[in-house]
Protein backbone atom coordinates (compact mmCIF):
# COMPACT_ATOMS: atom_id res chain seq x y z
CA MET A 1 20.91 60.51 94.20
CA LYS A 2 17.73 60.97 92.10
CA LYS A 3 19.88 61.16 88.99
CA ASN A 4 21.83 57.88 90.20
CA TYR A 5 18.54 56.23 90.43
CA LEU A 6 17.46 57.28 87.01
CA LEU A 7 20.62 55.83 85.81
CA ALA A 8 20.06 52.64 87.33
CA LEU A 9 16.70 52.40 85.95
CA LEU A 10 18.10 53.19 82.53
CA SER A 11 20.16 50.24 82.60
CA ALA A 12 17.22 47.95 83.64
CA VAL A 13 15.26 49.31 80.64
CA ILE A 14 18.33 48.82 78.19
CA LEU A 15 18.95 45.10 79.69
CA TRP A 16 15.15 44.40 79.33
CA LEU A 17 15.28 45.67 75.75
CA ALA A 18 18.13 43.43 74.88
CA TRP A 19 16.73 40.19 76.46
CA PRO A 20 14.93 37.47 74.23
CA PRO A 21 12.41 37.30 72.55
CA ILE A 22 12.84 40.69 71.39
CA PRO A 23 14.68 39.99 68.06
CA TYR A 24 18.31 41.11 67.26
CA SER A 25 18.47 43.47 70.11
CA SER A 26 21.05 41.60 72.16
CA PRO A 27 24.02 43.82 71.23
CA LEU A 28 22.27 46.38 73.66
CA LEU A 29 23.87 44.12 76.35
CA PHE A 30 27.14 45.23 75.64
CA VAL A 31 26.24 48.77 77.30
CA GLY A 32 23.44 47.69 79.69
CA PHE A 33 25.39 48.19 82.76
CA VAL A 34 27.14 51.25 81.80
CA PRO A 35 24.70 53.70 83.47
CA LEU A 36 24.39 51.66 86.37
CA LEU A 37 28.32 51.53 86.59
CA ILE A 38 28.41 55.59 86.18
CA ALA A 39 25.89 55.94 88.95
CA ILE A 40 27.82 53.51 91.27
CA GLU A 41 31.02 55.60 90.56
CA LYS A 42 29.42 58.78 91.28
CA VAL A 43 28.31 57.42 94.67
CA ILE A 44 31.98 56.05 95.26
CA ARG A 45 33.36 59.49 94.40
CA GLY A 46 30.72 61.67 95.82
CA ASN A 47 30.16 63.28 99.46
CA PHE A 48 27.67 60.72 100.59
CA THR A 49 27.07 58.55 103.61
CA TYR A 50 26.44 54.83 103.79
CA LYS A 51 28.11 54.39 100.06
CA GLY A 52 27.87 50.84 100.56
CA LYS A 53 24.11 50.59 101.24
CA LYS A 54 23.34 52.97 98.55
CA ILE A 55 25.19 51.00 96.05
CA PHE A 56 23.44 47.92 97.02
CA TRP A 57 19.91 49.53 96.53
CA LEU A 58 20.91 51.11 93.14
CA SER A 59 22.07 47.67 91.66
CA PHE A 60 19.08 45.99 93.24
CA LEU A 61 16.90 48.35 91.72
CA THR A 62 18.36 47.67 88.36
CA GLY A 63 18.22 43.82 88.77
CA PHE A 64 14.51 43.95 90.10
CA VAL A 65 13.24 45.91 87.25
CA TRP A 66 15.19 43.95 84.49
CA ASN A 67 14.47 40.72 86.02
CA THR A 68 10.53 41.29 86.84
CA ALA A 69 10.31 42.93 83.32
CA SER A 70 11.92 39.82 81.76
CA ILE A 71 10.00 37.05 83.60
CA TYR A 72 6.79 38.69 84.44
CA TRP A 73 4.85 35.42 83.16
CA VAL A 74 5.80 33.74 86.50
CA TYR A 75 3.11 35.52 88.02
CA ASN A 76 0.63 34.64 85.16
CA ALA A 77 1.17 30.88 85.73
CA MET A 78 0.57 31.48 89.47
CA ASN A 79 -2.51 33.87 89.20
CA ALA A 80 -4.42 31.54 87.03
CA TYR A 81 -4.94 29.32 90.08
CA LEU A 82 -4.20 31.46 92.94
CA PRO A 83 -5.44 34.84 94.54
CA SER A 84 -3.65 37.73 93.13
CA TYR A 85 -2.03 38.55 96.59
CA VAL A 86 -0.82 35.27 96.98
CA SER A 87 0.57 35.08 93.48
CA ILE A 88 2.33 38.55 94.00
CA LEU A 89 3.95 37.23 97.31
CA ILE A 90 5.25 33.91 95.63
CA SER A 91 6.31 35.67 92.65
CA LEU A 92 8.76 37.94 94.58
CA ILE A 93 10.75 34.95 95.24
CA PRO A 94 11.90 34.65 91.66
CA PHE A 95 11.52 38.24 90.92
CA GLY A 96 13.76 39.49 93.76
CA LEU A 97 16.07 36.77 94.80
CA ALA A 98 18.36 37.03 91.59
CA PRO A 99 18.45 41.01 92.06
CA LEU A 100 19.28 40.42 95.77
CA LEU A 101 22.37 38.41 94.62
CA MET A 102 23.24 40.83 92.05
CA ALA A 103 22.97 43.74 94.57
CA LEU A 104 25.44 41.62 96.79
CA VAL A 105 27.81 41.42 93.88
CA PHE A 106 28.13 45.09 93.39
CA ARG A 107 28.49 45.54 97.03
CA PHE A 108 31.57 43.60 97.13
CA TYR A 109 32.80 45.24 94.17
CA TYR A 110 32.62 48.53 96.17
CA GLN A 111 34.44 47.09 98.83
CA LEU A 112 37.02 46.01 96.55
CA ARG A 113 37.29 49.52 95.17
CA LYS A 114 38.26 50.56 98.37
CA LYS A 115 40.82 48.01 98.95
CA THR A 116 42.59 47.88 95.64
CA ALA A 117 43.28 49.21 92.20
CA ILE A 118 40.26 49.37 89.63
CA GLY A 119 41.64 46.60 87.40
CA TYR A 120 41.58 44.15 90.30
CA SER A 121 38.17 45.40 91.22
CA PHE A 122 36.90 44.68 87.75
CA ILE A 123 38.16 41.10 88.03
CA GLY A 124 36.43 40.76 91.25
CA LEU A 125 33.24 42.19 89.93
CA VAL A 126 33.17 39.58 87.02
CA SER A 127 34.30 36.93 89.18
CA PHE A 128 31.59 37.47 91.84
CA TRP A 129 28.95 37.70 89.07
CA LEU A 130 29.96 34.19 87.74
CA GLY A 131 29.80 33.01 91.37
CA TYR A 132 26.29 34.43 91.38
CA GLU A 133 25.28 32.59 88.49
CA PHE A 134 26.85 29.40 89.40
CA LEU A 135 24.87 29.75 92.75
CA HIS A 136 21.72 30.28 90.98
CA GLN A 137 22.04 27.04 88.91
CA TRP A 138 23.05 24.60 91.87
CA TRP A 139 21.18 25.66 95.19
CA ASP A 140 17.62 24.69 96.30
CA LEU A 141 16.37 27.82 94.55
CA ALA A 142 17.95 27.29 91.32
CA PHE A 143 16.48 29.52 88.50
CA PRO A 144 19.26 30.37 85.80
CA TRP A 145 16.93 31.79 83.53
CA MET A 146 18.50 35.31 83.56
CA THR A 147 22.06 34.10 83.26
CA LEU A 148 23.73 36.75 81.04
CA GLY A 149 24.87 34.51 78.40
CA ASN A 150 21.39 33.45 77.55
CA GLY A 151 20.69 36.94 76.16
CA PHE A 152 22.11 36.04 72.77
CA ALA A 153 19.49 33.17 72.35
CA ASN A 154 17.80 35.42 70.02
CA PHE A 155 20.87 36.25 67.81
CA HIS A 156 22.69 32.88 67.84
CA GLN A 157 24.88 33.91 64.66
CA LEU A 158 27.12 36.08 67.15
CA ILE A 159 27.85 33.21 69.65
CA GLN A 160 28.64 30.07 67.74
CA TRP A 161 31.90 29.76 69.99
CA TYR A 162 29.85 28.68 72.62
CA SER A 163 30.82 25.35 71.43
CA PHE A 164 33.94 26.17 73.53
CA THR A 165 32.98 28.36 76.31
CA GLY A 166 29.01 27.66 76.84
CA VAL A 167 26.93 30.30 78.21
CA PHE A 168 29.32 31.64 80.98
CA GLY A 169 31.76 32.82 77.86
CA GLY A 170 28.99 35.19 76.86
CA THR A 171 28.53 36.44 80.45
CA VAL A 172 32.26 37.42 80.37
CA TRP A 173 32.07 38.90 77.10
CA ILE A 174 29.13 41.03 78.01
CA TRP A 175 30.94 42.35 81.17
CA ALA A 176 34.39 43.05 79.32
CA VAL A 177 32.71 45.28 76.60
CA ASN A 178 30.51 46.87 79.46
CA LEU A 179 33.58 47.78 81.67
CA LEU A 180 35.72 49.09 78.85
CA VAL A 181 32.98 51.33 77.65
CA PHE A 182 32.29 52.49 81.06
CA VAL A 183 35.91 53.35 81.77
CA LEU A 184 35.99 55.36 78.29
CA VAL A 185 32.71 57.26 79.13
CA TRP A 186 33.41 57.93 82.65
CA GLN A 187 36.89 59.57 81.78
CA LYS A 188 34.98 61.97 79.28
CA LEU A 189 32.40 62.77 82.03
CA ALA A 190 34.84 63.28 84.54
CA LYS A 191 37.34 64.97 82.11
CA ILE A 192 40.36 62.95 83.40
CA GLU A 193 42.48 60.54 81.33
CA VAL A 194 44.31 57.87 83.33
CA TYR A 195 43.94 55.37 80.18
CA ASN A 196 44.34 56.58 76.88
CA PRO A 197 41.13 56.88 75.00
CA LYS A 198 42.54 55.82 71.58
CA ARG A 199 43.71 52.44 73.20
CA LEU A 200 40.47 52.10 75.15
CA SER A 201 38.41 52.42 71.86
CA MET A 202 40.95 50.00 70.23
CA ALA A 203 40.31 47.48 73.06
CA ILE A 204 36.64 47.82 72.90
CA ALA A 205 36.71 47.16 69.09
CA ALA A 206 38.86 44.20 69.53
CA THR A 207 36.62 42.76 72.21
CA LEU A 208 33.83 43.17 70.11
CA ILE A 209 35.09 42.25 66.63
CA VAL A 210 37.08 39.34 67.22
CA PRO A 211 34.61 37.00 68.79
CA LEU A 212 31.96 38.18 66.21
CA THR A 213 34.35 37.48 63.40
CA VAL A 214 35.11 34.11 64.73
CA SER A 215 31.42 33.30 65.17
CA VAL A 216 30.27 34.56 61.78
CA VAL A 217 33.03 32.39 60.30
CA GLN A 218 32.01 29.33 62.12
CA TYR A 219 28.41 29.77 61.26
CA GLN A 220 29.06 30.15 57.47
CA ALA A 221 31.42 27.14 57.54
CA TYR A 222 29.92 24.79 59.52
CA THR A 223 28.55 21.73 57.88
CA GLU A 224 26.92 18.73 59.32
CA HIS A 225 28.10 15.30 58.68
CA VAL A 226 25.17 13.32 56.97
CA ASN A 227 23.89 10.81 59.41
CA PRO A 228 19.99 11.05 58.76
CA SER A 229 17.13 10.00 60.91
CA GLU A 230 13.27 10.92 60.65
CA VAL A 231 11.82 12.42 63.81
CA VAL A 232 8.26 13.57 64.46
CA VAL A 233 7.33 16.08 67.26
CA VAL A 234 3.69 16.22 68.34
CA GLN A 235 1.97 19.01 69.86
CA PRO A 236 -1.39 18.04 71.09
CA ASN A 237 -2.49 21.19 72.65
CA ILE A 238 -4.12 19.86 75.63
CA ASP A 239 -5.17 22.56 78.22
CA PRO A 240 -2.82 21.89 81.15
CA TYR A 241 -5.62 22.98 83.47
CA GLY A 242 -7.99 20.14 82.04
CA LYS A 243 -4.97 17.68 81.47
CA PHE A 244 -5.24 16.39 85.12
CA GLY A 245 -9.06 16.65 85.41
CA PRO A 246 -11.91 16.61 82.83
CA ILE A 247 -9.91 15.44 79.80
CA PRO A 248 -9.72 11.58 80.26
CA PRO A 249 -5.97 10.22 79.45
CA SER A 250 -7.36 7.98 76.94
CA ALA A 251 -8.70 10.75 74.84
CA GLN A 252 -5.34 12.37 75.18
CA LEU A 253 -3.45 9.37 73.86
CA SER A 254 -6.06 9.29 71.13
CA THR A 255 -4.91 12.87 69.91
CA LEU A 256 -1.29 11.99 70.19
CA LEU A 257 -1.61 8.82 68.15
CA GLU A 258 -3.67 10.59 65.38
CA LEU A 259 -1.20 13.79 65.13
CA SER A 260 1.48 11.23 64.94
CA GLU A 261 0.08 9.26 62.27
CA ARG A 262 -0.87 12.29 60.03
CA VAL A 263 2.83 13.05 59.39
CA ALA A 264 4.74 9.92 60.02
CA LYS A 265 6.63 8.09 57.24
CA PRO A 266 7.50 4.59 56.98
CA ASN A 267 11.25 5.36 57.97
CA THR A 268 10.25 7.34 61.02
CA GLU A 269 12.46 6.39 64.08
CA PHE A 270 11.15 8.64 66.84
CA PHE A 271 7.98 9.92 67.73
CA LEU A 272 8.49 12.69 70.53
CA TRP A 273 5.59 13.38 72.89
CA PRO A 274 5.37 16.08 75.41
CA GLU A 275 5.97 16.19 79.22
CA THR A 276 3.37 14.25 81.00
CA ALA A 277 1.89 12.96 77.84
CA LEU A 278 1.16 9.52 79.13
CA SER A 279 -0.88 9.26 82.47
CA SER A 280 -3.84 7.06 83.83
CA GLU A 281 -7.34 7.85 85.13
CA ARG A 282 -5.86 7.51 88.64
CA GLY A 283 -2.97 9.95 87.92
CA GLY A 284 0.18 8.47 87.65
CA ILE A 285 1.58 4.87 85.93
CA ASP A 286 3.30 2.40 88.05
CA GLU A 287 6.52 1.79 86.13
CA GLU A 288 6.66 -1.65 86.99
CA GLN A 289 3.25 -2.71 85.88
CA PHE A 290 3.20 -0.30 82.67
CA ARG A 291 3.03 -2.93 80.56
CA ALA A 292 -0.16 -4.22 81.60
CA TYR A 293 -1.88 -0.67 81.04
CA PRO A 294 -4.07 -0.16 77.75
CA ALA A 295 -2.04 2.69 77.11
CA TYR A 296 1.12 0.80 76.52
CA GLU A 297 -0.69 -1.70 74.26
CA ARG A 298 -2.07 0.92 72.28
CA VAL A 299 1.34 2.45 71.83
CA VAL A 300 2.95 -0.72 70.76
CA SER A 301 0.12 -1.56 68.43
CA PHE A 302 0.71 1.87 66.88
CA LEU A 303 4.43 1.11 66.24
CA ASP A 304 3.66 -2.06 64.19
CA LYS A 305 3.59 0.36 61.12
CA TYR A 306 7.26 1.62 61.58
CA LYS A 307 10.02 -1.00 61.50
CA ASN A 308 12.49 0.83 63.46
CA GLY A 309 9.86 3.25 65.35
CA ASN A 310 10.28 4.50 68.93
CA VAL A 311 7.80 6.72 71.12
CA LEU A 312 9.71 8.85 73.27
CA SER A 313 7.11 10.39 75.65
CA GLY A 314 6.85 12.38 79.21
CA ILE A 315 5.05 10.29 81.46
CA GLU A 316 3.60 10.85 84.91
CA SER A 317 4.77 7.81 86.56
CA TYR A 318 5.61 6.43 90.22
CA ARG A 319 7.38 3.57 91.79
CA ILE A 320 6.30 1.49 94.98
CA TYR A 321 8.73 0.78 97.44
CA ASN A 322 8.34 -1.51 100.96
CA HIS A 323 10.01 1.16 102.77
CA ALA A 324 11.01 4.76 102.68
CA LYS A 325 13.87 4.13 100.03
CA THR A 326 13.96 7.71 99.09
CA ALA A 327 13.32 11.14 100.71
CA THR A 328 10.24 11.79 98.44
CA ALA A 329 8.67 8.49 98.85
CA ARG A 330 5.21 8.82 100.81
CA ASP A 331 3.77 6.43 103.30
CA PHE A 332 0.40 5.15 102.16
CA GLY A 333 0.42 2.76 105.08
CA ASN A 334 0.45 -1.02 105.02
CA GLY A 335 4.20 -1.07 104.28
CA VAL A 336 3.55 0.60 101.08
CA PHE A 337 5.59 3.82 99.90
CA LEU A 338 4.97 5.50 96.55
CA ASP A 339 7.31 7.72 94.96
CA PRO A 340 6.23 9.90 92.16
CA PHE A 341 8.08 11.28 89.05
CA ASN A 342 7.93 13.56 86.30
CA ALA A 343 9.63 11.24 83.99
CA ALA A 344 10.32 10.21 80.33
CA VAL A 345 10.01 6.78 78.91
CA LEU A 346 11.07 5.18 75.63
CA ILE A 347 8.68 2.66 74.14
CA ASP A 348 9.70 0.29 71.27
CA GLN A 349 8.52 -2.80 70.02
CA SER A 350 10.58 -5.11 72.20
CA SER A 351 9.56 -5.79 75.78
CA LYS A 352 12.12 -3.43 76.98
CA LEU A 353 11.28 -0.01 78.60
CA GLN A 354 13.62 2.80 79.44
CA PHE A 355 12.82 5.52 82.09
CA TYR A 356 14.41 8.56 82.91
CA HIS A 357 13.44 10.57 86.13
CA LYS A 358 13.64 14.34 85.57
CA SER A 359 16.53 15.57 87.82
CA LYS A 360 16.39 19.57 87.71
CA LEU A 361 13.04 20.07 89.48
CA VAL A 362 11.44 23.40 89.63
CA PRO A 363 11.43 25.10 92.80
CA GLY A 364 8.23 25.42 94.53
CA VAL A 365 6.33 23.39 92.04
CA GLU A 366 8.25 19.94 91.75
CA GLN A 367 10.21 20.25 94.91
CA LEU A 368 10.03 21.79 98.25
CA PRO A 369 13.32 23.84 98.59
CA PHE A 370 14.70 24.12 102.20
CA GLY A 371 12.48 21.64 103.66
CA GLU A 372 9.73 23.32 105.65
CA THR A 373 10.93 26.79 105.58
CA LEU A 374 9.04 27.22 102.20
CA SER A 375 6.03 25.15 102.96
CA PHE A 376 3.49 27.82 102.33
CA MET A 377 4.39 26.88 98.62
CA LYS A 378 2.70 23.08 99.02
CA PRO A 379 -0.76 24.37 97.21
CA LEU A 380 1.24 24.87 94.02
CA PHE A 381 2.28 21.36 93.67
CA ALA A 382 -1.19 20.08 93.22
CA HIS A 383 -1.93 22.87 90.98
CA PHE A 384 0.77 21.87 88.65
CA GLY A 385 -0.09 18.27 88.41
CA GLY A 386 2.72 17.53 91.26
CA SER A 387 2.18 16.30 94.83
CA THR A 388 2.72 18.30 98.07
CA GLY A 389 5.90 16.40 98.98
CA GLY A 390 7.54 16.88 95.59
CA TYR A 391 8.69 14.59 92.96
CA GLY A 392 11.58 11.94 93.08
CA SER A 393 14.57 12.24 90.97
CA GLN A 394 17.68 10.98 89.53
CA LYS A 395 21.07 12.50 90.22
CA GLU A 396 22.45 12.00 86.69
CA PRO A 397 21.10 12.19 83.45
CA SER A 398 20.58 8.90 81.39
CA VAL A 399 20.49 8.19 77.83
CA PHE A 400 17.69 6.45 75.81
CA TYR A 401 18.99 4.17 73.09
CA SER A 402 16.61 2.75 70.34
CA GLN A 403 16.92 -0.76 68.90
CA SER A 404 19.12 0.60 66.08
CA GLY A 405 21.55 2.04 68.65
CA ILE A 406 20.62 5.81 68.29
CA GLY A 407 21.21 7.65 71.35
CA ALA A 408 18.53 10.25 72.30
CA ALA A 409 18.91 12.88 75.26
CA PRO A 410 15.39 12.95 77.03
CA VAL A 411 15.41 16.62 78.58
CA ILE A 412 12.22 17.32 80.37
CA CYS A 413 11.29 20.95 80.48
CA TYR A 414 13.21 23.06 82.75
CA GLU A 415 16.35 20.98 82.37
CA SER A 416 17.02 22.65 79.04
CA ILE A 417 18.55 25.88 80.64
CA TRP A 418 21.25 23.87 82.21
CA GLY A 419 24.23 23.79 79.70
CA ASP A 420 26.64 21.54 81.40
CA TYR A 421 23.77 19.05 82.41
CA VAL A 422 22.54 18.67 78.96
CA ALA A 423 26.16 18.24 77.78
CA ASP A 424 26.35 15.23 80.38
CA TYR A 425 23.71 13.53 78.03
CA ILE A 426 26.12 13.98 75.06
CA ARG A 427 29.14 12.83 76.85
CA LYS A 428 27.35 9.55 77.62
CA GLY A 429 26.46 9.08 73.87
CA ALA A 430 23.36 11.12 72.91
CA GLN A 431 23.49 11.89 69.14
CA PHE A 432 20.50 14.46 69.26
CA ILE A 433 18.57 16.26 72.09
CA ALA A 434 14.94 15.42 72.61
CA ILE A 435 13.13 18.24 74.59
CA VAL A 436 9.66 17.15 76.12
CA THR A 437 7.87 20.28 77.62
CA ASN A 438 4.53 21.62 78.85
CA ASP A 439 4.83 25.56 78.66
CA GLY A 440 1.16 25.93 78.76
CA TRP A 441 1.18 26.84 82.40
CA TRP A 442 2.20 30.53 81.76
CA GLY A 443 -0.20 31.20 79.03
CA ASN A 444 0.83 33.17 75.73
CA THR A 445 3.70 35.30 77.34
CA SER A 446 7.11 35.54 76.41
CA GLY A 447 8.13 32.70 78.70
CA LYS A 448 7.46 29.99 76.01
CA ASP A 449 9.25 31.95 73.49
CA GLN A 450 12.38 32.19 75.96
CA HIS A 451 12.37 28.62 76.67
CA LEU A 452 12.48 27.80 72.79
CA LEU A 453 15.14 30.20 72.13
CA TYR A 454 17.50 28.81 74.93
CA ALA A 455 17.30 25.48 73.36
CA LYS A 456 19.37 26.89 70.61
CA LEU A 457 22.36 27.45 72.81
CA ARG A 458 22.08 23.76 73.85
CA ALA A 459 22.39 22.83 69.93
CA ILE A 460 25.24 25.24 69.54
CA GLU A 461 27.17 23.95 72.85
CA ASN A 462 26.95 20.39 71.69
CA ARG A 463 26.47 20.59 67.94
CA ARG A 464 23.37 18.47 68.11
CA TRP A 465 19.99 18.83 66.62
CA VAL A 466 17.20 19.56 69.02
CA ALA A 467 13.52 18.04 68.60
CA ARG A 468 11.27 19.91 70.67
CA SER A 469 7.93 18.64 71.56
CA ALA A 470 5.68 20.94 73.76
CA ASN A 471 1.96 20.25 74.68
CA THR A 472 0.75 23.76 73.76
CA GLY A 473 3.57 25.18 71.82
CA ILE A 474 6.33 25.89 70.68
CA SER A 475 7.27 22.67 69.31
CA GLY A 476 10.03 22.43 66.46
CA PHE A 477 13.47 21.36 65.30
CA ILE A 478 16.75 23.41 65.74
CA ASN A 479 19.80 22.25 63.56
CA GLN A 480 23.28 22.02 65.08
CA ARG A 481 24.25 25.83 63.96
CA GLY A 482 21.20 26.97 66.45
CA ASP A 483 18.87 27.68 63.43
CA ILE A 484 15.12 27.01 63.96
CA VAL A 485 14.39 24.74 60.93
CA GLN A 486 10.64 24.10 61.77
CA LYS A 487 8.46 25.30 64.45
CA THR A 488 4.74 25.16 65.30
CA SER A 489 2.12 27.97 66.23
CA TRP A 490 1.15 28.46 69.86
CA TRP A 491 -1.98 26.75 71.11
CA THR A 492 -2.57 24.66 67.80
CA PRO A 493 -2.82 20.88 67.71
CA ASP A 494 0.12 20.11 65.13
CA ALA A 495 2.63 17.57 64.30
CA LEU A 496 5.95 17.98 62.45
CA THR A 497 8.52 15.52 60.91
CA GLN A 498 11.92 16.24 60.00
CA GLU A 499 15.11 14.49 58.91
CA ILE A 500 17.69 15.53 61.22
CA ASN A 501 21.44 14.54 61.33
CA LEU A 502 22.76 12.45 64.09
CA ASN A 503 25.95 13.56 65.54
CA GLU A 504 28.86 11.66 67.38
CA GLU A 505 31.62 14.37 67.63
CA LEU A 506 32.20 15.91 71.09
CA THR A 507 32.78 19.97 70.82
CA PHE A 508 35.46 21.33 73.32
CA TYR A 509 32.38 22.46 75.55
CA THR A 510 30.98 19.00 75.56
CA LYS A 511 34.34 17.38 76.67
CA ASN A 512 35.31 20.10 79.16
CA GLY A 513 32.07 21.64 80.61
CA ASP A 514 31.95 25.02 82.27
CA LEU A 515 35.82 25.96 82.43
CA VAL A 516 35.03 29.51 82.55
CA LEU A 517 33.59 28.91 86.20
CA TYR A 518 36.77 27.51 87.36
CA LEU A 519 38.63 30.53 86.18
CA ALA A 520 36.11 32.60 87.90
CA LEU A 521 36.55 30.67 91.12
CA VAL A 522 40.25 31.67 91.02
CA GLY A 523 39.26 35.39 90.39
CA SER A 524 36.95 35.32 93.52
CA LEU A 525 39.57 33.82 95.51
CA LEU A 526 42.07 36.39 94.47
CA SER A 527 39.35 39.06 94.99
CA VAL A 528 38.75 37.75 98.74
CA PHE A 529 42.40 37.93 99.38
CA MET A 530 42.60 41.59 98.15
CA LEU A 531 39.72 42.70 100.49
CA PHE A 532 41.75 41.55 103.40
CA ARG A 533 44.84 43.73 102.34
CA ASN A 534 45.27 47.12 103.96
CA ARG A 535 45.62 49.25 100.75
CA LYS A 536 44.04 52.52 99.84
CA MET A 537 41.58 52.56 96.80
CA LYS A 538 43.53 53.29 93.66
CA ILE A 539 41.39 55.51 90.90
């Protein structure tokens, strides 16, 4: 078994090397699972006891090493505030949960191998894997950072066809090539010939070359419809650990205004400020009373210079109810219930205010998953500017509209890694994507780079410009092909201005969402049916 564990580790290293932000390494994903599949095949065909258990731990090892090496920065963010042993314990949840689900996928694959032919088993493996990725987007512990299709974020020229399939199409592509390469390599190692090697080689070449060719042609041929709008993104570079403490909100606002004015043009239509950029000395801002706050008056006064100007900003806000209107509303006594939000606001020169409440909340930081089961994570809420009961949210995205009719998608931080959720903004009329984020919590690690690169996928899927304002970096602009046109440096106060092209056309993906997942559901149901059939394994 020692050699099998070494093969599992080899898979982990290949997958890690293929992962962003390492540039142009993503083609390694096409062979990343091959060593693990060989190790699993050796167990299946070997004289071992408890084969299912051994396969489970082999695949868990691959997933754990790959996952942890890619998102190590989760620990950094927590260790800046909590003791090391507590940070490690909490980090084990994101480090270990996805690998656990991955291991279950391979365990089911082994059961299929015992019941049915290898081709059906491969369909089951891919379908169950997609099922895991879907689950890790929608349950209380959602963390889809490591969805396989995200792996091409640093080589976007290869996946322009995500405008049809989204990232799950990339997952299928990676698995299809891995499985074909595995069969070819295994036949050579085992000195057998179930499938013609030449045909296998041709199938591998076709599976690689056809999507690559389509993508390169799309990339070269794609032209944007000219529909310009001038946008400014601001990076105030305010230490997140001082933001809710020694640095007063009025000083933070002064920095935002000064940086905005530095690059603004008379025709600037949007000023984009980062997540929770607006707050008050008491913490949050009452949405119903916001017009009475000095911050609001200062912003409106600033916009006097810009005829069609709008400020789209992150805001720490709350609403007050006279009863427990929502599950997150806290009782402050005397019939007062306060519901806090990590929100975005659009301010223009009219009296109208538009608010959006972040929907995809970070588990353990902005919401408490599974009620009291994970109550030991409550100290994290206060550390990251939240509250011990979690933030309120809204069920669906909403679009901000300027007075001139431009629709902007106010995407807050973590939400930018949900493809179909961002597409919902576009279906509702958004002409560009405005991401407001902090990204300062995890320091100068690959986390901030991965987050920026994943935004390229949203640009391709929907063919929309992305304007990104990050408190400490990296801020910038991404065009409709996924090219980063401008970006700032990390931990540097800065502001950028860019003429972007607005788009109203809907891509196939935007219209139809993650159709690949529906195909996976069919494959999963077929695989479950096969598990209950009484047939011997076919090699």
